Amino acid sequence: MDRKKMMLLVGALIVAIGTALLARSIFAGAAAPTADAAAAAAAAKGPKVLVAQRALPVGTIITADALAYQAWPKDMVQDAYFINGEADVSKLLGTVVRFAVTAGEPLTQGSLVAPGDRGFLAAALGPGMRAVTVPVSAKTGVAGFVFPGDHIDLVLTQTVQAQDGEPLRASETILRNLRVLATDQSTESSTVDGKTVVKEFKTVTLEATPKIAEKIAVAQTIGTLSLSLRAIADNQGELERAIAAGDVSIPEGATKEQEEKLLKAAMSRPMDSGSTFVTGGDVSRFQRRSMPASRMELARQAAATVAAVSGPPSGATNVVFNPGPTVRISRGKTIEVVPVGGK
């Protein structure tokens, strides 16, 4: 075969292969839309089921924007799904996710737990958090104007007895931004005619870390605990300060959903630092302002006072003492030096 015929044969072969590949891609492209259309048609024939609009981790409180109805193939619908026209979405608001649900996945009746149901409180707790109950009254519980979901500060009021005069009365904010889980045995607010009912309660259950739970248990044995209701705007201010201080960092490349999750966790995080306090001396000039001296400190002051009046023992050298503030009391010919002890 001569060279010219060979080149023609090779060219024809290349054209044939190219034509076959082009035809294959055209048929494959046409089949994909057909398959998608068939799937969409099959789903359209089925009922609409309730699915998650976004990923719902364990402990997520259901809100209206977290759910939506979506057409689902009829042969894939299960009895546990929430079907449009049969389920009331309004009754699901405020429930808590018991098992994690991915975005686009249908919700099942077993994946949600409602307030008052067994296991609701455990499901509402964040990962690594604990529930601790504090006794309150109308006076220490903001007169009942605290509801599940609010955030509060915890104030400890105590009286420190003194051996050298008036006791020290002090009030201290020991913990901040604690989330209220329940009041008495209720995890939801009562409403009448669309209005929230304000009522007194004897106990309040708070969400805390294990370390903060221990502090609350000890604080109850020291003095009286009072609730201080936080404003909603305070959480945003705390978040901005935390971001400015570098306590909250958002990794590069984080999605909007991941960013919102990190910021939400930072805003609801309880804090046991930055406490403030007020003493009786800050309220009234007739009250004590400083800590009372301990018995050991009083003994040291008494020994120093004796040494100041009678002088060092015979033969003693390099005696150093600091009697602190004292008062000289004269009774006839007798003069007595009495330590004040910071009064």
C-alpha atoms as a PDB file:
ATOM      1  CA  MET A   1       0.000   0.000   0.000  1.00  0.00           C
ATOM      2  CA  ASP A   2       1.462   3.351  -0.983  1.00  0.00           C
ATOM      3  CA  ARG A   3       1.994   6.207   1.423  1.00  0.00           C
ATOM      4  CA  LYS A   4      -0.969   8.304   0.167  1.00  0.00           C
ATOM      5  CA  LYS A   5      -3.518   5.544   0.780  1.00  0.00           C
ATOM      6  CA  MET A   6      -2.042   4.965   4.242  1.00  0.00           C
ATOM      7  CA  MET A   7      -2.543   8.622   5.225  1.00  0.00           C
ATOM      8  CA  LEU A   8      -6.136   8.568   3.977  1.00  0.00           C
ATOM      9  CA  LEU A   9      -6.873   5.442   5.990  1.00  0.00           C
ATOM     10  CA  VAL A  10      -5.407   6.912   9.184  1.00  0.00           C
ATOM     11  CA  GLY A  11      -7.379  10.161   8.683  1.00  0.00           C
ATOM     12  CA  ALA A  12     -10.627   8.266   8.203  1.00  0.00           C
ATOM     13  CA  LEU A  13      -9.953   6.263  11.358  1.00  0.00           C
ATOM     14  CA  ILE A  14      -9.358   9.436  13.392  1.00  0.00           C
ATOM     15  CA  VAL A  15     -12.589  10.984  12.092  1.00  0.00           C
ATOM     16  CA  ALA A  16     -14.529   7.831  12.975  1.00  0.00           C
ATOM     17  CA  ILE A  17     -13.169   7.765  16.535  1.00  0.00           C
ATOM     18  CA  GLY A  18     -13.933  11.463  17.055  1.00  0.00           C
ATOM     19  CA  THR A  19     -17.461  11.023  15.773  1.00  0.00           C
ATOM     20  CA  ALA A  20     -18.056   8.101  18.140  1.00  0.00           C
ATOM     21  CA  LEU A  21     -16.821  10.046  21.172  1.00  0.00           C
ATOM     22  CA  LEU A  22     -18.928  13.063  20.251  1.00  0.00           C
ATOM     23  CA  ALA A  23     -22.047  10.965  19.863  1.00  0.00           C
ATOM     24  CA  ARG A  24     -21.405   9.279  23.224  1.00  0.00           C
ATOM     25  CA  SER A  25     -21.091  12.609  25.063  1.00  0.00           C
ATOM     26  CA  ILE A  26     -24.262  13.920  23.423  1.00  0.00           C
ATOM     27  CA  PHE A  27     -26.289  10.855  24.448  1.00  0.00           C
ATOM     28  CA  ALA A  28     -24.872  10.907  27.999  1.00  0.00           C
ATOM     29  CA  GLY A  29     -25.725  14.601  28.377  1.00  0.00           C
ATOM     30  CA  ALA A  30     -29.235  14.021  27.202  1.00  0.00           C
ATOM     31  CA  ALA A  31     -29.731  11.064  29.546  1.00  0.00           C
ATOM     32  CA  ALA A  32     -28.738  13.010  32.708  1.00  0.00           C
ATOM     33  CA  PRO A  33     -31.504  15.632  32.493  1.00  0.00           C
ATOM     34  CA  THR A  34     -33.926  12.865  31.666  1.00  0.00           C
ATOM     35  CA  ALA A  35     -32.902  10.950  34.798  1.00  0.00           C
ATOM     36  CA  ASP A  36     -33.104  14.130  36.924  1.00  0.00           C
ATOM     37  CA  ALA A  37     -36.484  14.949  35.518  1.00  0.00           C
ATOM     38  CA  ALA A  38     -37.678  11.428  36.231  1.00  0.00           C
ATOM     39  CA  ALA A  39     -36.463  11.642  39.820  1.00  0.00           C
ATOM     40  CA  ALA A  40     -38.089  15.039  40.277  1.00  0.00           C
ATOM     41  CA  ALA A  41     -41.337  13.715  38.832  1.00  0.00           C
ATOM     42  CA  ALA A  42     -41.223  10.727  41.175  1.00  0.00           C
ATOM     43  CA  ALA A  43     -40.614  13.006  44.150  1.00  0.00           C
ATOM     44  CA  ALA A  44     -43.379  15.366  43.061  1.00  0.00           C
ATOM     45  CA  LYS A  45     -45.852  12.471  43.118  1.00  0.00           C
ATOM     46  CA  GLY A  46     -44.937  11.720  46.753  1.00  0.00           C
ATOM     47  CA  PRO A  47     -46.013  13.689  49.853  1.00  0.00           C
ATOM     48  CA  LYS A  48     -44.059  16.558  51.371  1.00  0.00           C
ATOM     49  CA  VAL A  49     -42.105  15.656  54.501  1.00  0.00           C
ATOM     50  CA  LEU A  50     -40.439  17.887  57.084  1.00  0.00           C
ATOM     51  CA  VAL A  51     -36.669  18.139  56.581  1.00  0.00           C
ATOM     52  CA  ALA A  52     -33.860  20.045  58.269  1.00  0.00           C
ATOM     53  CA  GLN A  53     -32.894  23.292  56.556  1.00  0.00           C
ATOM     54  CA  ARG A  54     -29.411  23.053  58.085  1.00  0.00           C
ATOM     55  CA  ALA A  55     -27.404  20.637  60.193  1.00  0.00           C
ATOM     56  CA  LEU A  56     -29.032  20.210  63.623  1.00  0.00           C
ATOM     57  CA  PRO A  57     -26.580  18.931  66.263  1.00  0.00           C
ATOM     58  CA  VAL A  58     -27.740  17.281  69.475  1.00  0.00           C
ATOM     59  CA  GLY A  59     -29.206  19.862  71.867  1.00  0.00           C
ATOM     60  CA  THR A  60     -30.366  22.294  69.157  1.00  0.00           C
ATOM     61  CA  ILE A  61     -33.594  24.100  70.058  1.00  0.00           C
ATOM     62  CA  ILE A  62     -35.954  23.968  67.078  1.00  0.00           C
ATOM     63  CA  THR A  63     -36.936  27.323  65.556  1.00  0.00           C
ATOM     64  CA  ALA A  64     -39.137  28.141  62.567  1.00  0.00           C
ATOM     65  CA  ASP A  65     -36.190  28.718  60.212  1.00  0.00           C
ATOM     66  CA  ALA A  66     -34.695  25.294  60.975  1.00  0.00           C
ATOM     67  CA  LEU A  67     -37.429  23.278  59.223  1.00  0.00           C
ATOM     68  CA  ALA A  68     -39.129  23.161  55.832  1.00  0.00           C
ATOM     69  CA  TYR A  69     -41.375  20.802  53.849  1.00  0.00           C
ATOM     70  CA  GLN A  70     -39.887  19.046  50.829  1.00  0.00           C
ATOM     71  CA  ALA A  71     -41.346  16.629  48.281  1.00  0.00           C
ATOM     72  CA  TRP A  72     -40.263  13.065  48.943  1.00  0.00           C
ATOM     73  CA  PRO A  73     -40.595   9.849  46.897  1.00  0.00           C
ATOM     74  CA  LYS A  74     -43.698   8.012  48.022  1.00  0.00           C
ATOM     75  CA  ASP A  75     -41.991   4.641  48.356  1.00  0.00           C
ATOM     76  CA  MET A  76     -39.330   6.133  50.664  1.00  0.00           C
ATOM     77  CA  VAL A  77     -41.721   7.780  53.148  1.00  0.00           C
ATOM     78  CA  GLN A  78     -41.647   6.263  56.642  1.00  0.00           C
ATOM     79  CA  ASP A  79     -44.301   6.332  59.345  1.00  0.00           C
ATOM     80  CA  ALA A  80     -42.024   8.337  61.668  1.00  0.00           C
ATOM     81  CA  TYR A  81     -41.789  11.279  59.218  1.00  0.00           C
ATOM     82  CA  PHE A  82     -43.746  14.499  59.721  1.00  0.00           C
ATOM     83  CA  ILE A  83     -46.096  14.758  56.710  1.00  0.00           C
ATOM     84  CA  ASN A  84     -47.444  18.048  55.406  1.00  0.00           C
ATOM     85  CA  GLY A  85     -51.122  18.352  56.313  1.00  0.00           C
ATOM     86  CA  GLU A  86     -50.826  15.821  59.125  1.00  0.00           C
ATOM     87  CA  ALA A  87     -48.204  17.435  61.392  1.00  0.00           C
ATOM     88  CA  ASP A  88     -48.445  20.792  63.192  1.00  0.00           C
ATOM     89  CA  VAL A  89     -45.070  22.528  62.890  1.00  0.00           C
ATOM     90  CA  SER A  90     -45.979  25.092  65.553  1.00  0.00           C
ATOM     91  CA  LYS A  91     -46.018  22.313  68.155  1.00  0.00           C
ATOM     92  CA  LEU A  92     -42.431  21.395  67.246  1.00  0.00           C
ATOM     93  CA  LEU A  93     -41.044  24.866  67.988  1.00  0.00           C
ATOM     94  CA  GLY A  94     -39.093  24.819  71.251  1.00  0.00           C
ATOM     95  CA  THR A  95     -38.402  21.104  71.113  1.00  0.00           C
ATOM     96  CA  VAL A  96     -34.815  19.878  71.350  1.00  0.00           C
ATOM     97  CA  VAL A  97     -32.909  17.623  68.969  1.00  0.00           C
ATOM     98  CA  ARG A  98     -32.187  14.278  70.645  1.00  0.00           C
ATOM     99  CA  PHE A  99     -30.225  12.760  67.730  1.00  0.00           C
ATOM    100  CA  ALA A 100     -28.164  14.730  65.218  1.00  0.00           C
ATOM    101  CA  VAL A 101     -29.895  15.502  61.903  1.00  0.00           C
ATOM    102  CA  THR A 102     -27.984  16.436  58.734  1.00  0.00           C
ATOM    103  CA  ALA A 103     -29.100  19.169  56.336  1.00  0.00           C
ATOM    104  CA  GLY A 104     -31.858  17.918  54.007  1.00  0.00           C
ATOM    105  CA  GLU A 105     -32.580  14.835  56.113  1.00  0.00           C
ATOM    106  CA  PRO A 106     -36.199  14.193  57.150  1.00  0.00           C
ATOM    107  CA  LEU A 107     -36.967  14.649  60.835  1.00  0.00           C
ATOM    108  CA  THR A 108     -38.417  11.716  62.718  1.00  0.00           C
ATOM    109  CA  GLN A 109     -40.629  11.789  65.761  1.00  0.00           C
ATOM    110  CA  GLY A 110     -37.924  10.060  67.781  1.00  0.00           C
ATOM    111  CA  SER A 111     -35.281  12.678  66.917  1.00  0.00           C
ATOM    112  CA  LEU A 112     -37.063  15.437  68.871  1.00  0.00           C
ATOM    113  CA  VAL A 113     -37.956  15.701  72.539  1.00  0.00           C
ATOM    114  CA  ALA A 114     -40.542  18.185  73.816  1.00  0.00           C
ATOM    115  CA  PRO A 115     -40.468  20.191  77.074  1.00  0.00           C
ATOM    116  CA  GLY A 116     -41.790  18.066  79.905  1.00  0.00           C
ATOM    117  CA  ASP A 117     -40.871  14.799  78.214  1.00  0.00           C
ATOM    118  CA  ARG A 118     -38.435  12.406  79.807  1.00  0.00           C
ATOM    119  CA  GLY A 119     -34.863  13.279  78.844  1.00  0.00           C
ATOM    120  CA  PHE A 120     -35.658  16.834  77.701  1.00  0.00           C
ATOM    121  CA  LEU A 121     -33.328  18.507  80.198  1.00  0.00           C
ATOM    122  CA  ALA A 122     -30.440  16.182  79.370  1.00  0.00           C
ATOM    123  CA  ALA A 123     -30.967  16.839  75.646  1.00  0.00           C
ATOM    124  CA  ALA A 124     -31.107  20.607  76.192  1.00  0.00           C
ATOM    125  CA  LEU A 125     -27.706  20.658  77.899  1.00  0.00           C
ATOM    126  CA  GLY A 126     -24.762  21.625  75.739  1.00  0.00           C
ATOM    127  CA  PRO A 127     -21.830  19.219  75.329  1.00  0.00           C
ATOM    128  CA  GLY A 128     -19.793  19.034  78.535  1.00  0.00           C
ATOM    129  CA  MET A 129     -22.333  21.057  80.528  1.00  0.00           C
ATOM    130  CA  ARG A 130     -24.168  20.203  83.747  1.00  0.00           C
ATOM    131  CA  ALA A 131     -27.509  21.189  85.329  1.00  0.00           C
ATOM    132  CA  VAL A 132     -27.446  22.555  88.886  1.00  0.00           C
ATOM    133  CA  THR A 133     -30.418  23.758  90.948  1.00  0.00           C
ATOM    134  CA  VAL A 134     -30.390  26.807  93.237  1.00  0.00           C
ATOM    135  CA  PRO A 135     -33.110  27.663  95.805  1.00  0.00           C
ATOM    136  CA  VAL A 136     -34.565  31.156  95.398  1.00  0.00           C
ATOM    137  CA  SER A 137     -37.443  33.274  96.646  1.00  0.00           C
ATOM    138  CA  ALA A 138     -39.456  36.175  95.275  1.00  0.00           C
ATOM    139  CA  LYS A 139     -36.758  38.485  96.663  1.00  0.00           C
ATOM    140  CA  THR A 140     -33.751  36.623  95.295  1.00  0.00           C
ATOM    141  CA  GLY A 141     -35.415  35.387  92.076  1.00  0.00           C
ATOM    142  CA  VAL A 142     -36.201  38.760  90.428  1.00  0.00           C
ATOM    143  CA  ALA A 143     -39.831  38.464  91.580  1.00  0.00           C
ATOM    144  CA  GLY A 144     -40.510  35.699  89.064  1.00  0.00           C
ATOM    145  CA  PHE A 145     -39.423  37.687  85.988  1.00  0.00           C
ATOM    146  CA  VAL A 146     -36.946  34.980  85.006  1.00  0.00           C
ATOM    147  CA  PHE A 147     -37.953  32.377  82.421  1.00  0.00           C
ATOM    148  CA  PRO A 148     -36.309  29.318  80.869  1.00  0.00           C
ATOM    149  CA  GLY A 149     -33.874  30.480  78.219  1.00  0.00           C
ATOM    150  CA  ASP A 150     -32.903  33.710  79.999  1.00  0.00           C
ATOM    151  CA  HIS A 151     -29.336  34.385  81.104  1.00  0.00           C
ATOM    152  CA  ILE A 152     -28.543  35.550  84.631  1.00  0.00           C
ATOM    153  CA  ASP A 153     -25.648  36.532  86.889  1.00  0.00           C
ATOM    154  CA  LEU A 154     -25.309  34.881  90.285  1.00  0.00           C
ATOM    155  CA  VAL A 155     -24.734  37.154  93.303  1.00  0.00           C
ATOM    156  CA  LEU A 156     -23.479  35.879  96.677  1.00  0.00           C
ATOM    157  CA  THR A 157     -24.304  37.900  99.811  1.00  0.00           C
ATOM    158  CA  GLN A 158     -22.516  36.973 103.044  1.00  0.00           C
ATOM    159  CA  THR A 159     -21.625  38.262 106.500  1.00  0.00           C
ATOM    160  CA  VAL A 160     -18.081  37.661 107.773  1.00  0.00           C
ATOM    161  CA  GLN A 161     -18.027  37.636 111.565  1.00  0.00           C
ATOM    162  CA  ALA A 162     -15.265  39.579 113.307  1.00  0.00           C
ATOM    163  CA  GLN A 163     -13.431  39.158 116.616  1.00  0.00           C
ATOM    164  CA  ASP A 164     -12.371  42.794 116.700  1.00  0.00           C
ATOM    165  CA  GLY A 165     -15.571  44.734 116.060  1.00  0.00           C
ATOM    166  CA  GLU A 166     -18.401  44.933 113.551  1.00  0.00           C
ATOM    167  CA  PRO A 167     -18.768  42.065 111.017  1.00  0.00           C
ATOM    168  CA  LEU A 168     -18.106  42.624 107.327  1.00  0.00           C
ATOM    169  CA  ARG A 169     -21.176  42.548 105.091  1.00  0.00           C
ATOM    170  CA  ALA A 170     -20.431  41.992 101.411  1.00  0.00           C
ATOM    171  CA  SER A 171     -22.167  41.152  98.147  1.00  0.00           C
ATOM    172  CA  GLU A 172     -20.236  39.688  95.198  1.00  0.00           C
ATOM    173  CA  THR A 173     -21.111  38.723  91.620  1.00  0.00           C
ATOM    174  CA  ILE A 174     -19.414  35.338  91.523  1.00  0.00           C
ATOM    175  CA  LEU A 175     -20.694  33.945  88.168  1.00  0.00           C
ATOM    176  CA  ARG A 176     -22.007  35.532  84.979  1.00  0.00           C
ATOM    177  CA  ASN A 177     -24.049  34.603  81.911  1.00  0.00           C
ATOM    178  CA  LEU A 178     -25.620  31.399  83.239  1.00  0.00           C
ATOM    179  CA  ARG A 179     -28.478  30.022  81.111  1.00  0.00           C
ATOM    180  CA  VAL A 180     -31.741  29.234  82.899  1.00  0.00           C
ATOM    181  CA  LEU A 181     -32.936  25.740  82.006  1.00  0.00           C
ATOM    182  CA  ALA A 182     -36.011  25.502  84.222  1.00  0.00           C
ATOM    183  CA  THR A 183     -37.913  27.203  87.012  1.00  0.00           C
ATOM    184  CA  ASP A 184     -39.264  24.796  89.619  1.00  0.00           C
ATOM    185  CA  GLN A 185     -40.112  21.687  87.544  1.00  0.00           C
ATOM    186  CA  SER A 186     -41.076  23.562  84.374  1.00  0.00           C
ATOM    187  CA  THR A 187     -38.822  23.916  81.328  1.00  0.00           C
ATOM    188  CA  GLU A 188     -41.176  26.262  79.460  1.00  0.00           C
ATOM    189  CA  SER A 189     -43.093  29.466  80.122  1.00  0.00           C
ATOM    190  CA  SER A 190     -46.855  29.454  80.753  1.00  0.00           C
ATOM    191  CA  THR A 191     -49.038  31.668  78.568  1.00  0.00           C
ATOM    192  CA  VAL A 192     -52.646  32.802  78.926  1.00  0.00           C
ATOM    193  CA  ASP A 193     -54.327  34.642  76.034  1.00  0.00           C
ATOM    194  CA  GLY A 194     -50.949  35.001  74.360  1.00  0.00           C
ATOM    195  CA  LYS A 195     -49.346  36.675  77.401  1.00  0.00           C
ATOM    196  CA  THR A 196     -46.559  35.125  79.461  1.00  0.00           C
ATOM    197  CA  VAL A 197     -47.602  34.396  83.033  1.00  0.00           C
ATOM    198  CA  VAL A 198     -45.249  35.740  85.708  1.00  0.00           C
ATOM    199  CA  LYS A 199     -45.211  33.553  88.805  1.00  0.00           C
ATOM    200  CA  GLU A 200     -42.961  32.994  91.775  1.00  0.00           C
ATOM    201  CA  PHE A 201     -40.788  29.896  91.931  1.00  0.00           C
ATOM    202  CA  LYS A 202     -38.765  28.239  94.667  1.00  0.00           C
ATOM    203  CA  THR A 203     -35.928  26.775  92.606  1.00  0.00           C
ATOM    204  CA  VAL A 204     -34.126  27.583  89.389  1.00  0.00           C
ATOM    205  CA  THR A 205     -32.036  25.113  87.369  1.00  0.00           C
ATOM    206  CA  LEU A 206     -28.970  26.558  85.631  1.00  0.00           C
ATOM    207  CA  GLU A 207     -26.594  25.305  82.940  1.00  0.00           C
ATOM    208  CA  ALA A 208     -22.970  25.297  84.102  1.00  0.00           C
ATOM    209  CA  THR A 209     -19.612  23.710  83.496  1.00  0.00           C
ATOM    210  CA  PRO A 210     -18.543  21.031  86.013  1.00  0.00           C
ATOM    211  CA  LYS A 211     -16.196  23.525  87.723  1.00  0.00           C
ATOM    212  CA  ILE A 212     -18.866  26.227  87.947  1.00  0.00           C
ATOM    213  CA  ALA A 213     -21.339  23.653  89.303  1.00  0.00           C
ATOM    214  CA  GLU A 214     -18.893  22.944  92.131  1.00  0.00           C
ATOM    215  CA  LYS A 215     -18.581  26.660  92.880  1.00  0.00           C
ATOM    216  CA  ILE A 216     -22.363  27.031  93.049  1.00  0.00           C
ATOM    217  CA  ALA A 217     -22.593  24.096  95.479  1.00  0.00           C
ATOM    218  CA  VAL A 218     -20.014  25.689  97.787  1.00  0.00           C
ATOM    219  CA  ALA A 219     -21.541  29.172  97.459  1.00  0.00           C
ATOM    220  CA  GLN A 220     -24.862  27.874  98.800  1.00  0.00           C
ATOM    221  CA  THR A 221     -23.130  26.975 102.082  1.00  0.00           C
ATOM    222  CA  ILE A 222     -21.473  30.399 102.449  1.00  0.00           C
ATOM    223  CA  GLY A 223     -24.369  32.821 102.157  1.00  0.00           C
ATOM    224  CA  THR A 224     -27.466  33.761 100.165  1.00  0.00           C
ATOM    225  CA  LEU A 225     -27.556  33.444  96.376  1.00  0.00           C
ATOM    226  CA  SER A 226     -29.560  35.935  94.295  1.00  0.00           C
ATOM    227  CA  LEU A 227     -30.317  36.062  90.571  1.00  0.00           C
ATOM    228  CA  SER A 228     -29.499  39.133  88.506  1.00  0.00           C
ATOM    229  CA  LEU A 229     -31.259  39.117  85.121  1.00  0.00           C
ATOM    230  CA  ARG A 230     -29.019  40.002  82.171  1.00  0.00           C
ATOM    231  CA  ALA A 231     -30.107  42.130  79.222  1.00  0.00           C
ATOM    232  CA  ILE A 232     -30.063  40.498  75.789  1.00  0.00           C
ATOM    233  CA  ALA A 233     -27.724  43.233  74.543  1.00  0.00           C
ATOM    234  CA  ASP A 234     -25.148  42.291  77.204  1.00  0.00           C
ATOM    235  CA  ASN A 235     -24.365  39.034  75.399  1.00  0.00           C
ATOM    236  CA  GLN A 236     -23.479  40.906  72.211  1.00  0.00           C
ATOM    237  CA  GLY A 237     -21.242  43.262  74.193  1.00  0.00           C
ATOM    238  CA  GLU A 238     -19.502  40.353  75.896  1.00  0.00           C
ATOM    239  CA  LEU A 239     -18.988  38.708  72.501  1.00  0.00           C
ATOM    240  CA  GLU A 240     -17.387  41.828  71.035  1.00  0.00           C
ATOM    241  CA  ARG A 241     -15.040  42.114  74.013  1.00  0.00           C
ATOM    242  CA  ALA A 242     -14.116  38.430  73.729  1.00  0.00           C
ATOM    243  CA  ILE A 243     -13.349  38.804  70.005  1.00  0.00           C
ATOM    244  CA  ALA A 244     -11.267  41.934  70.647  1.00  0.00           C
ATOM    245  CA  ALA A 245      -9.322  40.141  73.398  1.00  0.00           C
ATOM    246  CA  GLY A 246      -8.680  37.142  71.158  1.00  0.00           C
ATOM    247  CA  ASP A 247     -10.655  34.731  73.351  1.00  0.00           C
ATOM    248  CA  VAL A 248     -12.863  33.853  70.368  1.00  0.00           C
ATOM    249  CA  SER A 249     -11.164  33.059  67.068  1.00  0.00           C
ATOM    250  CA  ILE A 250     -12.829  32.017  63.817  1.00  0.00           C
ATOM    251  CA  PRO A 251     -10.646  29.786  61.624  1.00  0.00           C
ATOM    252  CA  GLU A 252      -9.927  30.844  58.068  1.00  0.00           C
ATOM    253  CA  GLY A 253     -12.169  29.283  55.478  1.00  0.00           C
ATOM    254  CA  ALA A 254     -14.993  28.675  57.964  1.00  0.00           C
ATOM    255  CA  THR A 255     -18.457  28.580  56.437  1.00  0.00           C
ATOM    256  CA  LYS A 256     -21.181  30.975  57.534  1.00  0.00           C
ATOM    257  CA  GLU A 257     -22.903  28.141  59.394  1.00  0.00           C
ATOM    258  CA  GLN A 258     -19.685  27.253  61.274  1.00  0.00           C
ATOM    259  CA  GLU A 259     -19.071  30.913  62.082  1.00  0.00           C
ATOM    260  CA  GLU A 260     -22.586  31.377  63.479  1.00  0.00           C
ATOM    261  CA  LYS A 261     -22.187  28.216  65.561  1.00  0.00           C
ATOM    262  CA  LEU A 262     -18.910  29.462  67.094  1.00  0.00           C
ATOM    263  CA  LEU A 263     -20.324  32.900  67.867  1.00  0.00           C
ATOM    264  CA  LYS A 264     -23.504  31.435  69.378  1.00  0.00           C
ATOM    265  CA  ALA A 265     -21.459  29.144  71.628  1.00  0.00           C
ATOM    266  CA  ALA A 266     -19.290  32.080  72.730  1.00  0.00           C
ATOM    267  CA  MET A 267     -22.322  34.233  73.567  1.00  0.00           C
ATOM    268  CA  SER A 268     -23.931  31.534  75.720  1.00  0.00           C
ATOM    269  CA  ARG A 269     -20.754  30.491  77.536  1.00  0.00           C
ATOM    270  CA  PRO A 270     -20.930  30.917  81.351  1.00  0.00           C
ATOM    271  CA  MET A 271     -18.141  32.960  82.912  1.00  0.00           C
ATOM    272  CA  ASP A 272     -16.537  32.732  86.355  1.00  0.00           C
ATOM    273  CA  SER A 273     -13.981  35.521  85.939  1.00  0.00           C
ATOM    274  CA  GLY A 274     -14.106  39.285  86.325  1.00  0.00           C
ATOM    275  CA  SER A 275     -16.249  39.220  89.474  1.00  0.00           C
ATOM    276  CA  THR A 276     -17.141  42.466  91.267  1.00  0.00           C
ATOM    277  CA  PHE A 277     -18.066  43.090  94.888  1.00  0.00           C
ATOM    278  CA  VAL A 278     -19.513  45.707  97.234  1.00  0.00           C
ATOM    279  CA  THR A 279     -19.003  45.905 101.011  1.00  0.00           C
ATOM    280  CA  GLY A 280     -21.096  47.510 103.716  1.00  0.00           C
ATOM    281  CA  GLY A 281     -18.645  50.415 103.817  1.00  0.00           C
ATOM    282  CA  ASP A 282     -19.483  51.196 100.171  1.00  0.00           C
ATOM    283  CA  VAL A 283     -23.136  51.609 101.142  1.00  0.00           C
ATOM    284  CA  SER A 284     -22.944  53.230 104.576  1.00  0.00           C
ATOM    285  CA  ARG A 285     -20.170  55.082 106.380  1.00  0.00           C
ATOM    286  CA  PHE A 286     -21.165  53.256 109.570  1.00  0.00           C
ATOM    287  CA  GLN A 287     -20.413  49.832 108.103  1.00  0.00           C
ATOM    288  CA  ARG A 288     -17.121  48.011 107.872  1.00  0.00           C
ATOM    289  CA  ARG A 289     -15.155  48.233 104.618  1.00  0.00           C
ATOM    290  CA  SER A 290     -12.195  45.880 105.193  1.00  0.00           C
ATOM    291  CA  MET A 291     -11.840  42.207 106.032  1.00  0.00           C
ATOM    292  CA  PRO A 292     -11.869  41.358 109.747  1.00  0.00           C
ATOM    293  CA  ALA A 293      -8.574  40.198 111.199  1.00  0.00           C
ATOM    294  CA  SER A 294      -8.272  36.472 111.835  1.00  0.00           C
ATOM    295  CA  ARG A 295      -7.574  35.055 115.291  1.00  0.00           C
ATOM    296  CA  MET A 296      -3.948  34.488 114.356  1.00  0.00           C
ATOM    297  CA  GLU A 297      -3.638  38.067 113.165  1.00  0.00           C
ATOM    298  CA  LEU A 298      -5.207  39.347 116.409  1.00  0.00           C
ATOM    299  CA  ALA A 299      -2.728  37.286 118.450  1.00  0.00           C
ATOM    300  CA  ARG A 300       0.144  38.684 116.420  1.00  0.00           C
ATOM    301  CA  GLN A 301      -1.088  42.233 116.929  1.00  0.00           C
ATOM    302  CA  ALA A 302      -1.518  41.654 120.668  1.00  0.00           C
ATOM    303  CA  ALA A 303       2.030  40.318 120.964  1.00  0.00           C
ATOM    304  CA  ALA A 304       3.352  43.263 118.999  1.00  0.00           C
ATOM    305  CA  THR A 305       1.429  45.671 121.228  1.00  0.00           C
ATOM    306  CA  VAL A 306       2.872  44.109 124.398  1.00  0.00           C
ATOM    307  CA  ALA A 307       6.334  44.368 122.941  1.00  0.00           C
ATOM    308  CA  ALA A 308       5.726  48.006 122.038  1.00  0.00           C
ATOM    309  CA  VAL A 309       4.631  48.892 125.594  1.00  0.00           C
ATOM    310  CA  SER A 310       7.058  46.808 127.695  1.00  0.00           C
ATOM    311  CA  GLY A 311       9.963  46.702 125.288  1.00  0.00           C
ATOM    312  CA  PRO A 312      11.850  43.656 124.004  1.00  0.00           C
ATOM    313  CA  PRO A 313      12.730  40.824 126.408  1.00  0.00           C
ATOM    314  CA  SER A 314      15.992  41.075 128.342  1.00  0.00           C
ATOM    315  CA  GLY A 315      18.968  40.261 126.141  1.00  0.00           C
ATOM    316  CA  ALA A 316      16.869  40.193 122.940  1.00  0.00           C
ATOM    317  CA  THR A 317      18.153  42.051 119.901  1.00  0.00           C
ATOM    318  CA  ASN A 318      16.878  42.878 116.433  1.00  0.00           C
ATOM    319  CA  VAL A 319      13.219  42.681 117.476  1.00  0.00           C
ATOM    320  CA  VAL A 320      11.009  43.708 114.549  1.00  0.00           C
ATOM    321  CA  PHE A 321       7.309  44.244 115.036  1.00  0.00           C
ATOM    322  CA  ASN A 322       4.442  46.075 113.395  1.00  0.00           C
ATOM    323  CA  PRO A 323       1.582  46.707 115.824  1.00  0.00           C
ATOM    324  CA  GLY A 324      -0.646  48.276 113.161  1.00  0.00           C
ATOM    325  CA  PRO A 325      -3.218  50.943 114.079  1.00  0.00           C
ATOM    326  CA  THR A 326      -3.792  51.190 117.846  1.00  0.00           C
ATOM    327  CA  VAL A 327      -5.725  53.331 120.325  1.00  0.00           C
ATOM    328  CA  ARG A 328      -4.369  54.407 123.748  1.00  0.00           C
ATOM    329  CA  ILE A 329      -7.081  54.275 126.414  1.00  0.00           C
ATOM    330  CA  SER A 330      -6.412  56.070 129.714  1.00  0.00           C
ATOM    331  CA  ARG A 331      -8.285  54.952 132.846  1.00  0.00           C
ATOM    332  CA  GLY A 332      -6.926  57.023 135.740  1.00  0.00           C
ATOM    333  CA  LYS A 333      -3.270  56.144 136.054  1.00  0.00           C
ATOM    334  CA  THR A 334      -3.619  53.059 133.838  1.00  0.00           C
ATOM    335  CA  ILE A 335      -2.908  53.354 130.099  1.00  0.00           C
ATOM    336  CA  GLU A 336      -3.966  50.533 127.759  1.00  0.00           C
ATOM    337  CA  VAL A 337      -3.011  50.196 124.108  1.00  0.00           C
ATOM    338  CA  VAL A 338      -5.731  48.429 122.069  1.00  0.00           C
ATOM    339  CA  PRO A 339      -5.302  47.375 118.402  1.00  0.00           C
ATOM    340  CA  VAL A 340      -7.975  48.690 116.038  1.00  0.00           C
ATOM    341  CA  GLY A 341      -7.761  45.772 113.590  1.00  0.00           C
ATOM    342  CA  GLY A 342      -8.669  47.720 110.447  1.00  0.00           C
ATOM    343  CA  LYS A 343     -12.060  48.932 111.711  1.00  0.00           C
END
